[in-house]
Full PDB file with SEQRES, HELIX, SHEET, SSBOND, CRYST1, ORIGX, SCALE, CONECT and MASTER records, all heavy atoms in Angstrom:
SEQRES   1 A   32  ILE ALA LYS ASN THR VAL ASN LEU GLN MET ASN SER LEU          
SEQRES   2 A   32  LYS PRO GLU ASP THR ALA VAL TYR TYR CYS ALA ALA ASP          
SEQRES   3 A   32  PHE SER ARG TYR GLY ILE                                      
HELIX    1 AA1 PRO A   15  ASP A   17  5                                   3    
CRYST1    1.000    1.000    1.000  90.00  90.00  90.00 P 1           1          
ORIGX1      1.000000  0.000000  0.000000        0.00000                         
ORIGX2      0.000000  1.000000  0.000000        0.00000                         
ORIGX3      0.000000  0.000000  1.000000        0.00000                         
SCALE1      1.000000  0.000000  0.000000        0.00000                         
SCALE2      0.000000  1.000000  0.000000        0.00000                         
SCALE3      0.000000  0.000000  1.000000        0.00000                         
ATOM      1  N   ILE A   1      93.729 140.963  39.199  1.00  0.00           N  
ATOM      2  CA  ILE A   1      94.893 140.098  39.172  1.00  0.00           C  
ATOM      3  C   ILE A   1      94.644 138.844  38.376  1.00  0.00           C  
ATOM      4  O   ILE A   1      95.462 138.422  37.532  1.00  0.00           O  
ATOM      5  CB  ILE A   1      95.323 139.749  40.644  1.00  0.00           C  
ATOM      6  CG1 ILE A   1      95.776 141.031  41.320  1.00  0.00           C  
ATOM      7  CG2 ILE A   1      96.445 138.725  40.607  1.00  0.00           C  
ATOM      8  CD1 ILE A   1      96.091 140.839  42.793  1.00  0.00           C  
ATOM      9  N   ALA A   2      93.494 138.218  38.576  1.00  0.00           N  
ATOM     10  CA  ALA A   2      93.180 136.964  37.883  1.00  0.00           C  
ATOM     11  C   ALA A   2      93.077 137.145  36.393  1.00  0.00           C  
ATOM     12  O   ALA A   2      93.312 136.180  35.650  1.00  0.00           O  
ATOM     13  CB  ALA A   2      91.871 136.375  38.446  1.00  0.00           C  
ATOM     14  N   LYS A   3      92.736 138.338  35.935  1.00  0.00           N  
ATOM     15  CA  LYS A   3      92.611 138.601  34.527  1.00  0.00           C  
ATOM     16  C   LYS A   3      93.846 139.246  33.918  1.00  0.00           C  
ATOM     17  O   LYS A   3      93.837 139.558  32.723  1.00  0.00           O  
ATOM     18  CB  LYS A   3      91.345 139.492  34.281  1.00  0.00           C  
ATOM     19  CG  LYS A   3      90.053 138.829  34.619  1.00  0.00           C  
ATOM     20  CD  LYS A   3      88.899 139.743  34.241  1.00  0.00           C  
ATOM     21  CE  LYS A   3      87.569 139.078  34.556  1.00  0.00           C  
ATOM     22  NZ  LYS A   3      86.400 139.981  34.214  1.00  0.00           N  
ATOM     23  N   ASN A   4      94.827 139.492  34.774  1.00  0.00           N  
ATOM     24  CA  ASN A   4      96.050 140.154  34.248  1.00  0.00           C  
ATOM     25  C   ASN A   4      95.709 141.459  33.528  1.00  0.00           C  
ATOM     26  O   ASN A   4      96.189 141.753  32.448  1.00  0.00           O  
ATOM     27  CB  ASN A   4      96.809 139.239  33.323  1.00  0.00           C  
ATOM     28  CG  ASN A   4      98.307 139.346  33.453  1.00  0.00           C  
ATOM     29  OD1 ASN A   4      98.849 139.607  34.537  1.00  0.00           O  
ATOM     30  ND2 ASN A   4      99.025 139.134  32.371  1.00  0.00           N  
ATOM     31  N   THR A   5      94.849 142.243  34.186  1.00  0.00           N  
ATOM     32  CA  THR A   5      94.282 143.419  33.565  1.00  0.00           C  
ATOM     33  C   THR A   5      94.374 144.621  34.533  1.00  0.00           C  
ATOM     34  O   THR A   5      94.258 144.473  35.776  1.00  0.00           O  
ATOM     35  CB  THR A   5      92.790 143.165  33.240  1.00  0.00           C  
ATOM     36  OG1 THR A   5      92.732 142.144  32.230  1.00  0.00           O  
ATOM     37  CG2 THR A   5      92.095 144.406  32.747  1.00  0.00           C  
ATOM     38  N   VAL A   6      94.549 145.791  33.970  1.00  0.00           N  
ATOM     39  CA  VAL A   6      94.484 147.024  34.710  1.00  0.00           C  
ATOM     40  C   VAL A   6      93.388 147.894  34.059  1.00  0.00           C  
ATOM     41  O   VAL A   6      93.205 147.895  32.852  1.00  0.00           O  
ATOM     42  CB  VAL A   6      95.813 147.765  34.734  1.00  0.00           C  
ATOM     43  CG1 VAL A   6      96.279 148.186  33.339  1.00  0.00           C  
ATOM     44  CG2 VAL A   6      95.822 148.927  35.680  1.00  0.00           C  
ATOM     45  N   ASN A   7      92.641 148.569  34.918  1.00  0.00           N  
ATOM     46  CA  ASN A   7      91.519 149.411  34.474  1.00  0.00           C  
ATOM     47  C   ASN A   7      91.733 150.852  34.858  1.00  0.00           C  
ATOM     48  O   ASN A   7      92.456 151.174  35.777  1.00  0.00           O  
ATOM     49  CB  ASN A   7      90.247 148.898  35.083  1.00  0.00           C  
ATOM     50  CG  ASN A   7      89.952 147.439  34.759  1.00  0.00           C  
ATOM     51  OD1 ASN A   7      89.982 147.060  33.626  1.00  0.00           O  
ATOM     52  ND2 ASN A   7      89.677 146.674  35.813  1.00  0.00           N  
ATOM     53  N   LEU A   8      91.016 151.729  34.146  1.00  0.00           N  
ATOM     54  CA  LEU A   8      90.996 153.132  34.489  1.00  0.00           C  
ATOM     55  C   LEU A   8      89.558 153.606  34.429  1.00  0.00           C  
ATOM     56  O   LEU A   8      88.963 153.678  33.337  1.00  0.00           O  
ATOM     57  CB  LEU A   8      91.852 153.999  33.504  1.00  0.00           C  
ATOM     58  CG  LEU A   8      91.962 155.456  33.886  1.00  0.00           C  
ATOM     59  CD1 LEU A   8      92.823 155.611  35.144  1.00  0.00           C  
ATOM     60  CD2 LEU A   8      92.613 156.233  32.712  1.00  0.00           C  
ATOM     61  N   GLN A   9      88.989 153.832  35.604  1.00  0.00           N  
ATOM     62  CA  GLN A   9      87.610 154.341  35.711  1.00  0.00           C  
ATOM     63  C   GLN A   9      87.707 155.878  35.643  1.00  0.00           C  
ATOM     64  O   GLN A   9      88.391 156.481  36.486  1.00  0.00           O  
ATOM     65  CB  GLN A   9      86.982 153.896  37.007  1.00  0.00           C  
ATOM     66  CG  GLN A   9      85.568 154.465  37.208  1.00  0.00           C  
ATOM     67  CD  GLN A   9      84.562 153.917  36.216  1.00  0.00           C  
ATOM     68  OE1 GLN A   9      84.563 152.753  35.873  1.00  0.00           O  
ATOM     69  NE2 GLN A   9      83.671 154.823  35.717  1.00  0.00           N  
ATOM     70  N   MET A  10      87.014 156.481  34.685  1.00  0.00           N  
ATOM     71  CA  MET A  10      87.086 157.899  34.498  1.00  0.00           C  
ATOM     72  C   MET A  10      85.707 158.528  34.730  1.00  0.00           C  
ATOM     73  O   MET A  10      84.762 158.192  33.970  1.00  0.00           O  
ATOM     74  CB  MET A  10      87.609 158.215  33.073  1.00  0.00           C  
ATOM     75  CG  MET A  10      88.929 157.584  32.764  1.00  0.00           C  
ATOM     76  SD  MET A  10      89.590 158.093  31.159  1.00  0.00           S  
ATOM     77  CE  MET A  10      88.349 157.400  30.051  1.00  0.00           C  
ATOM     78  N   ASN A  11      85.579 159.331  35.718  1.00  0.00           N  
ATOM     79  CA  ASN A  11      84.300 159.962  36.068  1.00  0.00           C  
ATOM     80  C   ASN A  11      84.461 161.500  35.906  1.00  0.00           C  
ATOM     81  O   ASN A  11      85.536 162.015  35.798  1.00  0.00           O  
ATOM     82  CB  ASN A  11      83.940 159.652  37.507  1.00  0.00           C  
ATOM     83  CG  ASN A  11      83.686 158.205  37.762  1.00  0.00           C  
ATOM     84  OD1 ASN A  11      83.258 157.444  36.835  1.00  0.00           O  
ATOM     85  ND2 ASN A  11      83.990 157.703  38.943  1.00  0.00           N  
ATOM     86  N   SER A  12      83.297 162.166  35.846  1.00  0.00           N  
ATOM     87  CA  SER A  12      83.284 163.623  35.701  1.00  0.00           C  
ATOM     88  C   SER A  12      84.189 164.097  34.560  1.00  0.00           C  
ATOM     89  O   SER A  12      84.980 165.020  34.741  1.00  0.00           O  
ATOM     90  CB  SER A  12      83.722 164.263  37.011  1.00  0.00           C  
ATOM     91  OG  SER A  12      82.846 163.843  38.114  1.00  0.00           O  
ATOM     92  N   LEU A  13      84.032 163.451  33.444  1.00  0.00           N  
ATOM     93  CA  LEU A  13      84.916 163.738  32.325  1.00  0.00           C  
ATOM     94  C   LEU A  13      84.698 165.173  31.793  1.00  0.00           C  
ATOM     95  O   LEU A  13      83.603 165.712  31.826  1.00  0.00           O  
ATOM     96  CB  LEU A  13      84.720 162.736  31.206  1.00  0.00           C  
ATOM     97  CG  LEU A  13      85.363 161.381  31.447  1.00  0.00           C  
ATOM     98  CD1 LEU A  13      84.750 160.290  30.578  1.00  0.00           C  
ATOM     99  CD2 LEU A  13      86.866 161.460  31.247  1.00  0.00           C  
ATOM    100  N   LYS A  14      85.802 165.725  31.367  1.00  0.00           N  
ATOM    101  CA  LYS A  14      85.809 167.109  30.821  1.00  0.00           C  
ATOM    102  C   LYS A  14      86.288 167.087  29.359  1.00  0.00           C  
ATOM    103  O   LYS A  14      87.038 166.193  28.972  1.00  0.00           O  
ATOM    104  CB  LYS A  14      86.761 167.966  31.668  1.00  0.00           C  
ATOM    105  CG  LYS A  14      86.458 167.981  33.133  1.00  0.00           C  
ATOM    106  CD  LYS A  14      87.511 168.764  33.892  1.00  0.00           C  
ATOM    107  CE  LYS A  14      87.261 168.780  35.399  1.00  0.00           C  
ATOM    108  NZ  LYS A  14      88.326 169.544  36.117  1.00  0.00           N  
ATOM    109  N   PRO A  15      85.982 168.072  28.594  1.00  0.00           N  
ATOM    110  CA  PRO A  15      86.469 168.105  27.181  1.00  0.00           C  
ATOM    111  C   PRO A  15      87.992 168.069  27.138  1.00  0.00           C  
ATOM    112  O   PRO A  15      88.511 167.460  26.191  1.00  0.00           O  
ATOM    113  CB  PRO A  15      85.931 169.441  26.687  1.00  0.00           C  
ATOM    114  CG  PRO A  15      84.685 169.689  27.441  1.00  0.00           C  
ATOM    115  CD  PRO A  15      84.972 169.120  28.843  1.00  0.00           C  
ATOM    116  N   GLU A  16      88.664 168.612  28.102  1.00  0.00           N  
ATOM    117  CA  GLU A  16      90.109 168.560  28.081  1.00  0.00           C  
ATOM    118  C   GLU A  16      90.718 167.184  28.357  1.00  0.00           C  
ATOM    119  O   GLU A  16      91.912 166.960  28.274  1.00  0.00           O  
ATOM    120  CB  GLU A  16      90.706 169.608  29.059  1.00  0.00           C  
ATOM    121  CG  GLU A  16      90.146 169.533  30.453  1.00  0.00           C  
ATOM    122  CD  GLU A  16      89.040 170.548  30.693  1.00  0.00           C  
ATOM    123  OE1 GLU A  16      88.134 170.655  29.799  1.00  0.00           O  
ATOM    124  OE2 GLU A  16      89.028 171.152  31.769  1.00  0.00           O  
ATOM    125  N   ASP A  17      89.856 166.226  28.721  1.00  0.00           N  
ATOM    126  CA  ASP A  17      90.301 164.812  28.871  1.00  0.00           C  
ATOM    127  C   ASP A  17      90.358 164.124  27.527  1.00  0.00           C  
ATOM    128  O   ASP A  17      90.818 162.970  27.439  1.00  0.00           O  
ATOM    129  CB  ASP A  17      89.341 164.054  29.793  1.00  0.00           C  
ATOM    130  CG  ASP A  17      89.399 164.584  31.245  1.00  0.00           C  
ATOM    131  OD1 ASP A  17      90.531 164.887  31.714  1.00  0.00           O  
ATOM    132  OD2 ASP A  17      88.338 164.676  31.861  1.00  0.00           O  
ATOM    133  N   THR A  18      89.890 164.758  26.440  1.00  0.00           N  
ATOM    134  CA  THR A  18      89.916 164.159  25.139  1.00  0.00           C  
ATOM    135  C   THR A  18      91.361 163.860  24.717  1.00  0.00           C  
ATOM    136  O   THR A  18      92.210 164.751  24.709  1.00  0.00           O  
ATOM    137  CB  THR A  18      89.244 165.078  24.138  1.00  0.00           C  
ATOM    138  OG1 THR A  18      87.824 165.210  24.455  1.00  0.00           O  
ATOM    139  CG2 THR A  18      89.381 164.539  22.685  1.00  0.00           C  
ATOM    140  N   ALA A  19      91.593 162.597  24.321  1.00  0.00           N  
ATOM    141  CA  ALA A  19      92.930 162.206  23.973  1.00  0.00           C  
ATOM    142  C   ALA A  19      92.927 160.716  23.558  1.00  0.00           C  
ATOM    143  O   ALA A  19      91.898 160.027  23.758  1.00  0.00           O  
ATOM    144  CB  ALA A  19      93.915 162.401  25.129  1.00  0.00           C  
ATOM    145  N   VAL A  20      94.005 160.256  23.039  1.00  0.00           N  
ATOM    146  CA  VAL A  20      94.238 158.812  22.895  1.00  0.00           C  
ATOM    147  C   VAL A  20      94.890 158.358  24.204  1.00  0.00           C  
ATOM    148  O   VAL A  20      95.901 158.925  24.635  1.00  0.00           O  
ATOM    149  CB  VAL A  20      95.137 158.484  21.727  1.00  0.00           C  
ATOM    150  CG1 VAL A  20      95.392 156.981  21.636  1.00  0.00           C  
ATOM    151  CG2 VAL A  20      94.500 158.969  20.396  1.00  0.00           C  
ATOM    152  N   TYR A  21      94.331 157.351  24.805  1.00  0.00           N  
ATOM    153  CA  TYR A  21      94.824 156.798  26.095  1.00  0.00           C  
ATOM    154  C   TYR A  21      95.586 155.529  25.838  1.00  0.00           C  
ATOM    155  O   TYR A  21      95.128 154.639  25.135  1.00  0.00           O  
ATOM    156  CB  TYR A  21      93.655 156.557  27.029  1.00  0.00           C  
ATOM    157  CG  TYR A  21      93.115 157.825  27.656  1.00  0.00           C  
ATOM    158  CD1 TYR A  21      92.400 158.803  26.891  1.00  0.00           C  
ATOM    159  CD2 TYR A  21      93.322 158.139  28.985  1.00  0.00           C  
ATOM    160  CE1 TYR A  21      91.956 159.956  27.436  1.00  0.00           C  
ATOM    161  CE2 TYR A  21      92.864 159.306  29.550  1.00  0.00           C  
ATOM    162  CZ  TYR A  21      92.156 160.244  28.751  1.00  0.00           C  
ATOM    163  OH  TYR A  21      91.731 161.374  29.322  1.00  0.00           O  
ATOM    164  N   TYR A  22      96.788 155.478  26.437  1.00  0.00           N  
ATOM    165  CA  TYR A  22      97.645 154.338  26.268  1.00  0.00           C  
ATOM    166  C   TYR A  22      97.920 153.707  27.636  1.00  0.00           C  
ATOM    167  O   TYR A  22      98.111 154.414  28.604  1.00  0.00           O  
ATOM    168  CB  TYR A  22      98.986 154.761  25.685  1.00  0.00           C  
ATOM    169  CG  TYR A  22      98.942 155.384  24.313  1.00  0.00           C  
ATOM    170  CD1 TYR A  22      98.764 156.758  24.152  1.00  0.00           C  
ATOM    171  CD2 TYR A  22      99.065 154.582  23.148  1.00  0.00           C  
ATOM    172  CE1 TYR A  22      98.715 157.333  22.931  1.00  0.00           C  
ATOM    173  CE2 TYR A  22      98.994 155.173  21.909  1.00  0.00           C  
ATOM    174  CZ  TYR A  22      98.843 156.527  21.802  1.00  0.00           C  
ATOM    175  OH  TYR A  22      98.786 157.081  20.545  1.00  0.00           O  
ATOM    176  N   CYS A  23      97.983 152.383  27.668  1.00  0.00           N  
ATOM    177  CA  CYS A  23      98.504 151.757  28.882  1.00  0.00           C  
ATOM    178  C   CYS A  23      99.942 151.319  28.612  1.00  0.00           C  
ATOM    179  O   CYS A  23     100.360 151.107  27.454  1.00  0.00           O  
ATOM    180  CB  CYS A  23      97.645 150.571  29.345  1.00  0.00           C  
ATOM    181  SG  CYS A  23      97.725 149.113  28.300  1.00  0.00           S  
ATOM    182  N   ALA A  24     100.728 151.243  29.655  1.00  0.00           N  
ATOM    183  CA  ALA A  24     102.139 150.962  29.558  1.00  0.00           C  
ATOM    184  C   ALA A  24     102.574 150.140  30.751  1.00  0.00           C  
ATOM    185  O   ALA A  24     101.994 150.198  31.832  1.00  0.00           O  
ATOM    186  CB  ALA A  24     102.907 152.264  29.529  1.00  0.00           C  
ATOM    187  N   ALA A  25     103.625 149.351  30.534  1.00  0.00           N  
ATOM    188  CA  ALA A  25     104.172 148.464  31.587  1.00  0.00           C  
ATOM    189  C   ALA A  25     105.656 148.683  31.739  1.00  0.00           C  
ATOM    190  O   ALA A  25     106.391 148.860  30.786  1.00  0.00           O  
ATOM    191  CB  ALA A  25     103.835 147.032  31.259  1.00  0.00           C  
ATOM    192  N   ASP A  26     106.076 148.632  32.982  1.00  0.00           N  
ATOM    193  CA  ASP A  26     107.498 148.725  33.365  1.00  0.00           C  
ATOM    194  C   ASP A  26     107.773 147.639  34.366  1.00  0.00           C  
ATOM    195  O   ASP A  26     107.128 147.576  35.388  1.00  0.00           O  
ATOM    196  CB  ASP A  26     107.790 150.109  33.959  1.00  0.00           C  
ATOM    197  CG  ASP A  26     109.136 150.209  34.655  1.00  0.00           C  
ATOM    198  OD1 ASP A  26     110.060 149.529  34.205  1.00  0.00           O  
ATOM    199  OD2 ASP A  26     109.227 150.935  35.648  1.00  0.00           O  
ATOM    200  N   PHE A  27     108.801 146.841  34.089  1.00  0.00           N  
ATOM    201  CA  PHE A  27     109.149 145.766  34.969  1.00  0.00           C  
ATOM    202  C   PHE A  27     110.456 146.043  35.718  1.00  0.00           C  
ATOM    203  O   PHE A  27     110.883 145.268  36.555  1.00  0.00           O  
ATOM    204  CB  PHE A  27     109.262 144.427  34.234  1.00  0.00           C  
ATOM    205  CG  PHE A  27     107.942 143.937  33.728  1.00  0.00           C  
ATOM    206  CD1 PHE A  27     107.483 144.326  32.446  1.00  0.00           C  
ATOM    207  CD2 PHE A  27     107.135 143.139  34.484  1.00  0.00           C  
ATOM    208  CE1 PHE A  27     106.270 143.873  31.987  1.00  0.00           C  
ATOM    209  CE2 PHE A  27     105.928 142.677  33.991  1.00  0.00           C  
ATOM    210  CZ  PHE A  27     105.440 143.062  32.746  1.00  0.00           C  
ATOM    211  N   SER A  28     111.112 147.125  35.395  1.00  0.00           N  
ATOM    212  CA  SER A  28     112.431 147.382  35.969  1.00  0.00           C  
ATOM    213  C   SER A  28     112.391 147.782  37.418  1.00  0.00           C  
ATOM    214  O   SER A  28     113.401 147.718  38.100  1.00  0.00           O  
ATOM    215  CB  SER A  28     113.145 148.494  35.149  1.00  0.00           C  
ATOM    216  OG  SER A  28     112.505 149.728  35.320  1.00  0.00           O  
ATOM    217  N   ARG A  29     111.229 148.229  37.870  1.00  0.00           N  
ATOM    218  CA  ARG A  29     111.117 148.630  39.251  1.00  0.00           C  
ATOM    219  C   ARG A  29     110.468 147.602  40.132  1.00  0.00           C  
ATOM    220  O   ARG A  29     110.129 147.862  41.308  1.00  0.00           O  
ATOM    221  CB  ARG A  29     110.287 149.975  39.356  1.00  0.00           C  
ATOM    222  CG  ARG A  29     111.009 151.156  38.781  1.00  0.00           C  
ATOM    223  CD  ARG A  29     110.189 152.381  38.706  1.00  0.00           C  
ATOM    224  NE  ARG A  29     110.986 153.548  38.424  1.00  0.00           N  
ATOM    225  CZ  ARG A  29     111.482 153.833  37.203  1.00  0.00           C  
ATOM    226  NH1 ARG A  29     111.268 153.007  36.199  1.00  0.00           N  
ATOM    227  NH2 ARG A  29     112.210 154.902  37.003  1.00  0.00           N  
ATOM    228  N   TYR A  30     110.276 146.390  39.599  1.00  0.00           N  
ATOM    229  CA  TYR A  30     109.766 145.230  40.314  1.00  0.00           C  
ATOM    230  C   TYR A  30     108.391 145.526  40.970  1.00  0.00           C  
ATOM    231  O   TYR A  30     108.056 144.916  41.960  1.00  0.00           O  
ATOM    232  CB  TYR A  30     110.770 144.786  41.350  1.00  0.00           C  
ATOM    233  CG  TYR A  30     112.111 144.476  40.753  1.00  0.00           C  
ATOM    234  CD1 TYR A  30     113.150 145.383  40.839  1.00  0.00           C  
ATOM    235  CD2 TYR A  30     112.325 143.295  40.052  1.00  0.00           C  
ATOM    236  CE1 TYR A  30     114.384 145.099  40.259  1.00  0.00           C  
ATOM    237  CE2 TYR A  30     113.517 143.007  39.438  1.00  0.00           C  
ATOM    238  CZ  TYR A  30     114.547 143.918  39.571  1.00  0.00           C  
ATOM    239  OH  TYR A  30     115.737 143.661  38.950  1.00  0.00           O  
ATOM    240  N   GLY A  31     107.678 146.477  40.374  1.00  0.00           N  
ATOM    241  CA  GLY A  31     106.363 146.777  40.918  1.00  0.00           C  
ATOM    242  C   GLY A  31     106.354 147.445  42.258  1.00  0.00           C  
ATOM    243  O   GLY A  31     105.359 147.455  42.976  1.00  0.00           O  
ATOM    244  N   ILE A  32     107.473 148.059  42.665  1.00  0.00           N  
ATOM    245  CA  ILE A  32     107.584 148.670  43.961  1.00  0.00           C  
ATOM    246  C   ILE A  32     107.395 150.183  43.887  1.00  0.00           C  
ATOM    247  O   ILE A  32     106.754 150.766  44.762  1.00  0.00           O  
ATOM    248  CB  ILE A  32     108.921 148.304  44.597  1.00  0.00           C  
ATOM    249  CG1 ILE A  32     109.028 146.804  44.823  1.00  0.00           C  
ATOM    250  CG2 ILE A  32     109.176 149.059  45.923  1.00  0.00           C  
ATOM    251  CD1 ILE A  32     110.412 146.335  45.266  1.00  0.00           C  
TER     252      ILE A  32                                                      
MASTER        0    0    0    1    0    0    0    6  251    1    0    3          
END                                                                             
């Protein structure tokens, strides 16, 4: 919260996880 950051910890990675990863934000649902 203090850093205004979201993380994604990925463990046990597989070849099929290969991709470009994007983060996205939506404010229309008020975070609910």
